[in-house]
Protein backbone atom coordinates (compact mmCIF):
# COMPACT_ATOMS: atom_id res chain seq x y z
CA UNK A 1 107.90 -18.44 -42.98
CA UNK A 2 104.88 -18.48 -45.06
CA UNK A 3 101.61 -16.95 -44.38
CA UNK A 4 98.46 -15.33 -45.60
CA UNK A 5 98.26 -11.42 -45.70
CA UNK A 6 94.76 -10.36 -44.78
CA UNK A 7 92.84 -7.51 -46.08
CA UNK A 8 89.15 -6.25 -46.07
CA UNK A 9 87.04 -6.80 -48.92
CA UNK A 10 83.17 -5.82 -49.03
CA UNK A 11 80.36 -4.41 -50.50
CA UNK A 12 77.57 -2.34 -49.15
CA UNK A 13 74.13 -1.85 -50.92
CA UNK A 14 72.58 1.63 -50.43
CA UNK A 15 70.12 1.18 -53.00
CA UNK A 16 69.63 1.39 -57.00
CA UNK A 17 72.95 0.99 -58.18
CA UNK A 18 74.77 2.75 -55.39
CA UNK A 19 77.21 0.68 -53.53
CA UNK A 20 80.23 1.31 -51.14
CA UNK A 21 83.01 -0.89 -52.09
CA UNK A 22 85.87 -1.33 -49.40
CA UNK A 23 88.96 -3.18 -50.63
CA UNK A 24 92.21 -2.92 -48.83
CA UNK A 25 93.18 0.65 -48.16
CA UNK A 26 90.46 1.92 -51.00
CA UNK A 27 86.82 2.89 -50.77
CA UNK A 28 84.61 3.40 -53.85
CA UNK A 29 81.24 4.85 -54.73
CA UNK A 30 79.24 3.18 -57.83
CA UNK A 31 76.67 5.17 -59.28
CA UNK A 32 75.48 7.61 -56.67
CA UNK A 33 71.66 7.93 -56.53
CA UNK A 34 70.26 9.54 -53.26
CA UNK A 35 66.76 10.68 -53.96
CA UNK A 36 64.23 9.59 -51.51
CA UNK A 37 60.53 7.64 -51.66
CA UNK A 38 58.66 9.72 -54.18
CA UNK A 39 60.90 11.72 -55.89
CA UNK A 40 61.53 11.76 -59.65
CA UNK A 41 64.74 10.81 -61.53
CA UNK A 42 64.79 12.36 -64.96
CA UNK A 43 66.03 10.26 -67.74
CA UNK A 44 66.07 12.51 -70.39
CA UNK A 45 63.72 13.34 -73.63
CA UNK A 46 61.15 14.39 -71.10
CA UNK A 47 61.31 10.82 -69.69
CA UNK A 48 61.32 10.29 -65.82
CA UNK A 49 60.97 7.50 -63.38
CA UNK A 50 59.48 8.06 -59.58
CA UNK A 51 61.53 6.20 -56.81
CA UNK A 52 59.88 3.76 -54.84
CA UNK A 53 62.26 3.35 -51.84
CA UNK A 54 64.48 5.36 -49.63
CA UNK A 55 68.54 5.01 -49.86
CA UNK A 56 70.11 3.35 -46.93
CA UNK A 57 72.35 6.24 -46.53
CA UNK A 58 72.52 9.77 -46.69
CA UNK A 59 75.31 11.65 -48.70
CA UNK A 60 76.46 13.31 -45.88
CA UNK A 61 76.84 10.02 -44.30
CA UNK A 62 79.56 8.53 -46.90
CA UNK A 63 83.09 7.85 -45.88
CA UNK A 64 86.04 9.40 -47.22
CA UNK A 65 86.30 8.34 -51.11
CA UNK A 66 88.95 7.29 -53.10
CA UNK A 67 86.95 8.00 -56.36
CA UNK A 68 83.11 7.23 -57.42
CA UNK A 69 82.88 4.90 -60.48
CA UNK A 70 79.73 6.13 -62.77
CA UNK A 71 78.40 3.75 -65.55
CA UNK A 72 76.65 6.29 -67.27
CA UNK A 73 74.87 9.72 -67.05
CA UNK A 74 71.00 9.18 -65.91
CA UNK A 75 69.21 10.32 -63.21
CA UNK A 76 68.53 7.23 -61.54
CA UNK A 77 72.75 6.87 -61.28
CA UNK A 78 73.76 10.28 -60.65
CA UNK A 79 71.07 12.51 -59.46
CA UNK A 80 70.87 16.29 -58.36
CA UNK A 81 71.71 15.54 -54.68
CA UNK A 82 75.15 13.97 -55.87
CA UNK A 83 75.50 17.01 -58.24
CA UNK A 84 75.29 19.02 -55.17
CA UNK A 85 76.58 17.16 -52.40
CA UNK A 86 80.06 15.19 -53.99
CA UNK A 87 83.16 17.02 -53.81
CA UNK A 88 83.84 18.88 -57.04
CA UNK A 89 87.56 17.41 -56.68
CA UNK A 90 86.50 13.92 -56.38
CA UNK A 91 87.94 11.53 -59.01
CA UNK A 92 84.59 10.22 -60.91
CA UNK A 93 85.61 7.40 -63.43
CA UNK A 94 82.94 7.32 -66.26
CA UNK A 95 82.36 7.55 -69.79
CA UNK A 96 83.56 10.39 -72.50
CA UNK A 97 80.04 11.66 -72.54
CA UNK A 98 79.43 11.66 -68.85
CA UNK A 99 82.78 13.20 -68.09
CA UNK A 100 82.25 16.19 -70.56
CA UNK A 101 78.82 16.75 -68.72
CA UNK A 102 80.08 16.61 -65.46
CA UNK A 103 83.17 19.28 -65.88
CA UNK A 104 80.34 21.64 -67.46
CA UNK A 105 78.97 20.94 -63.98
CA UNK A 106 82.43 21.69 -62.20
CA UNK A 107 83.50 18.59 -61.48
CA UNK A 108 87.03 19.05 -62.30
CA UNK A 109 88.06 15.25 -60.97
CA UNK A 110 85.95 13.58 -63.62
CA UNK A 111 88.10 11.24 -65.80
CA UNK A 112 86.93 9.54 -68.95
CA UNK A 113 87.86 6.02 -69.52
CA UNK A 114 87.24 4.83 -73.04
CA UNK A 115 86.57 0.76 -73.37
CA UNK A 116 89.58 -1.26 -72.53
CA UNK A 117 91.44 1.49 -71.00
CA UNK A 118 92.32 1.88 -67.38
CA UNK A 119 92.98 3.99 -64.33
CA UNK A 120 95.30 3.31 -61.32
CA UNK A 121 94.97 4.32 -57.83
CA UNK A 122 97.93 3.43 -55.84
CA UNK A 123 98.87 3.12 -51.77
CA UNK A 124 102.17 2.06 -50.67
CA UNK A 125 101.97 -1.94 -51.97
CA UNK A 126 98.57 -1.93 -52.94
CA UNK A 127 96.66 -1.00 -56.27
CA UNK A 128 93.30 -0.67 -57.57
CA UNK A 129 92.95 -0.59 -61.06
CA UNK A 130 89.60 0.43 -62.82
CA UNK A 131 89.03 -1.01 -66.55
CA UNK A 132 85.88 0.04 -68.48
CA UNK A 133 84.52 -2.96 -70.48
CA UNK A 134 81.87 -2.92 -73.22
CA UNK A 135 78.08 -1.71 -72.03
CA UNK A 136 75.08 -1.31 -74.49
CA UNK A 137 71.96 0.31 -73.12
CA UNK A 138 69.67 -0.72 -75.97
CA UNK A 139 69.25 -1.91 -79.34
CA UNK A 140 69.06 -0.25 -82.88
CA UNK A 141 67.60 3.31 -82.63
CA UNK A 142 67.22 2.95 -79.07
CA UNK A 143 70.59 2.61 -78.32
CA UNK A 144 71.25 5.83 -80.34
CA UNK A 145 69.02 8.03 -78.19
CA UNK A 146 70.58 6.59 -74.65
CA UNK A 147 73.48 7.94 -73.22
CA UNK A 148 77.03 5.84 -73.59
CA UNK A 149 77.08 3.25 -70.78
CA UNK A 150 80.13 1.60 -69.70
CA UNK A 151 80.94 -1.44 -67.46
CA UNK A 152 83.71 -1.75 -65.00
CA UNK A 153 86.66 -4.45 -64.18
CA UNK A 154 88.11 -3.78 -60.66
CA UNK A 155 91.09 -5.42 -60.26
CA UNK A 156 93.01 -5.20 -56.64
CA UNK A 157 96.69 -6.13 -56.26
CA UNK A 158 98.44 -6.30 -52.99
CA UNK A 159 102.57 -6.64 -53.33
CA UNK A 160 101.84 -7.30 -57.24
CA UNK A 161 99.27 -10.11 -56.82
CA UNK A 162 95.75 -10.13 -57.86
CA UNK A 163 93.60 -10.16 -54.42
CA UNK A 164 90.14 -9.28 -56.05
CA UNK A 165 88.59 -9.24 -59.43
CA UNK A 166 85.08 -7.48 -59.68
CA UNK A 167 82.79 -6.93 -62.18
CA UNK A 168 80.16 -4.44 -62.28
CA UNK A 169 77.75 -4.83 -65.20
CA UNK A 170 76.62 -1.21 -65.62
CA UNK A 171 73.14 -0.65 -67.45
CA UNK A 172 74.04 -3.12 -70.19
CA UNK A 173 71.71 -5.94 -72.11
CA UNK A 174 72.99 -9.39 -72.24
CA UNK A 175 74.79 -9.92 -75.65
CA UNK A 176 77.21 -12.54 -77.00
CA UNK A 177 80.04 -10.01 -77.42
CA UNK A 178 80.17 -9.51 -73.49
CA UNK A 179 81.98 -12.83 -73.61
CA UNK A 180 85.39 -10.74 -74.56
CA UNK A 181 84.68 -9.72 -70.70
CA UNK A 182 85.87 -13.01 -69.11
CA UNK A 183 88.29 -13.59 -72.07
CA UNK A 184 90.26 -10.67 -71.40
CA UNK A 185 89.78 -10.89 -67.32
CA UNK A 186 89.23 -14.51 -66.69
CA UNK A 187 88.52 -15.73 -63.37
CA UNK A 188 86.15 -12.96 -62.04
CA UNK A 189 85.64 -13.39 -58.43
CA UNK A 190 82.61 -11.20 -57.92
CA UNK A 191 79.96 -9.46 -59.85
CA UNK A 192 77.22 -6.40 -59.32
CA UNK A 193 74.72 -6.97 -61.69
CA UNK A 194 72.08 -4.50 -63.01
CA UNK A 195 68.62 -5.79 -63.53
CA UNK A 196 65.34 -4.18 -63.51
CA UNK A 197 63.94 -4.96 -67.18
CA UNK A 198 63.75 -1.31 -67.56
CA UNK A 199 61.85 -0.38 -70.92
CA UNK A 200 62.28 2.96 -72.99
CA UNK A 201 59.28 3.24 -75.64
CA UNK A 202 58.55 -0.25 -75.18
CA UNK A 203 62.26 -1.54 -75.66
CA UNK A 204 64.38 -3.36 -73.22
CA UNK A 205 67.43 -0.95 -72.12
CA UNK A 206 68.43 -3.01 -68.82
CA UNK A 207 68.48 -6.75 -68.16
CA UNK A 208 65.57 -8.81 -66.83
CA UNK A 209 65.60 -11.99 -65.25
CA UNK A 210 66.08 -14.24 -67.87
CA UNK A 211 69.02 -11.76 -69.45
CA UNK A 212 70.68 -11.48 -65.95
CA UNK A 213 70.81 -15.24 -65.88
CA UNK A 214 72.30 -15.61 -69.16
CA UNK A 215 75.25 -13.34 -68.23
CA UNK A 216 75.61 -15.28 -65.00
CA UNK A 217 76.08 -18.41 -67.18
CA UNK A 218 78.68 -16.58 -69.12
CA UNK A 219 80.63 -14.78 -66.72
CA UNK A 220 80.57 -17.71 -63.66
CA UNK A 221 81.74 -15.69 -60.59
CA UNK A 222 81.91 -17.00 -57.37
CA UNK A 223 79.72 -14.21 -55.90
CA UNK A 224 76.92 -12.23 -57.57
CA UNK A 225 75.12 -9.11 -55.85
CA UNK A 226 72.24 -8.00 -58.01
CA UNK A 227 71.26 -4.45 -57.76
CA UNK A 228 69.06 -2.08 -59.82
CA UNK A 229 66.17 -4.11 -59.64
CA UNK A 230 63.27 -2.70 -57.54
CA UNK A 231 63.93 1.10 -56.61
CA UNK A 232 61.86 2.90 -59.46
CA UNK A 233 58.91 2.69 -61.34
CA UNK A 234 60.68 2.11 -64.59
CA UNK A 235 61.89 -1.14 -63.36
CA UNK A 236 59.33 -3.89 -64.77
CA UNK A 237 61.56 -7.45 -63.72
CA UNK A 238 61.61 -7.88 -60.04
CA UNK A 239 64.35 -9.52 -58.20
CA UNK A 240 62.42 -12.85 -58.27
CA UNK A 241 62.46 -13.21 -61.93
CA UNK A 242 66.33 -13.16 -61.55
CA UNK A 243 66.60 -15.56 -58.86
CA UNK A 244 64.21 -17.71 -60.37
CA UNK A 245 65.98 -17.74 -63.72
CA UNK A 246 69.82 -18.11 -61.72
CA UNK A 247 67.94 -21.58 -60.13
CA UNK A 248 66.69 -22.86 -63.30
CA UNK A 249 70.24 -22.63 -64.61
CA UNK A 250 71.86 -24.20 -61.58
CA UNK A 251 73.79 -21.20 -60.37
CA UNK A 252 71.91 -19.77 -57.51
CA UNK A 253 73.99 -20.49 -54.99
CA UNK A 254 76.55 -18.02 -55.64
CA UNK A 255 74.13 -15.07 -55.97
CA UNK A 256 73.52 -13.17 -52.59
CA UNK A 257 70.79 -10.56 -52.60
CA UNK A 258 71.29 -7.74 -50.18
CA UNK A 259 69.06 -5.78 -48.23
CA UNK A 260 69.72 -1.96 -48.38
CA UNK A 261 72.61 -0.84 -45.86
CA UNK A 262 73.40 -4.38 -45.78
CA UNK A 263 77.06 -5.42 -46.15
CA UNK A 264 78.72 -8.58 -47.80
CA UNK A 265 82.32 -9.74 -47.55
CA UNK A 266 83.80 -10.28 -50.78
CA UNK A 267 85.80 -13.22 -51.89
CA UNK A 268 89.76 -12.72 -51.91
CA UNK A 269 92.51 -14.70 -53.26
CA UNK A 270 95.50 -15.29 -50.68
CA UNK A 271 98.79 -14.15 -51.01
CA UNK A 272 101.45 -16.30 -49.60
CA UNK A 273 104.39 -14.32 -47.84
CA UNK A 274 107.66 -16.03 -47.30
CA UNK A 275 109.92 -14.69 -44.64
């Protein structure tokens, strides 16, 4: 007898690049940022940015987590609330640069994931594979001044079959070399895209609307959820820039902006079971 094996898969937008991802038996937190309206996030070299919004959830309200996926160590991605409130034994999958700092802060579960390497979490017949993919926070000298950043591919497998492939861009700029991501990981089902058009010393360090649309055209996921676009004063490119650019290239039907606290179901591939 043939049938379809059902599982849950969803993303909840908390604010900035902070999301809760639930897929099958796994729950992940991305880029934990729980500062409130008016508070400052520090970016290094004496630079800071002030938060314009409140998170949709407090850190104490989080469900039990299997891991944190941290794209890089900036104050709007891992803040002092996360530093004091997260379990120090919780696995934090991140860059080698961030892992060194987190270990000094007592986060014994921090694990470095170099580009194209993977970390796996397994529960029974279900497997979640987390793979680091390239990211570039800036260009030229500016990139050298900024912390190492990674994107992430999440592959959820059930009974040996891929059910969901999710790409989290991290704070990368668009560049042609990102074409290696869909080349190595074809058929990306969903994408969390970090936007904002952030500038440091006048130089663009996160994608604006135009760059976001270019990446959307390159990846062509079934579902795209924009994040990281209006929570801080450093963000200069509003969500509308991306939505307009996506419409111009004819890819806006698959874009789903979420309100803070809103949850979106993610598309999954069916598994046919034979009895």
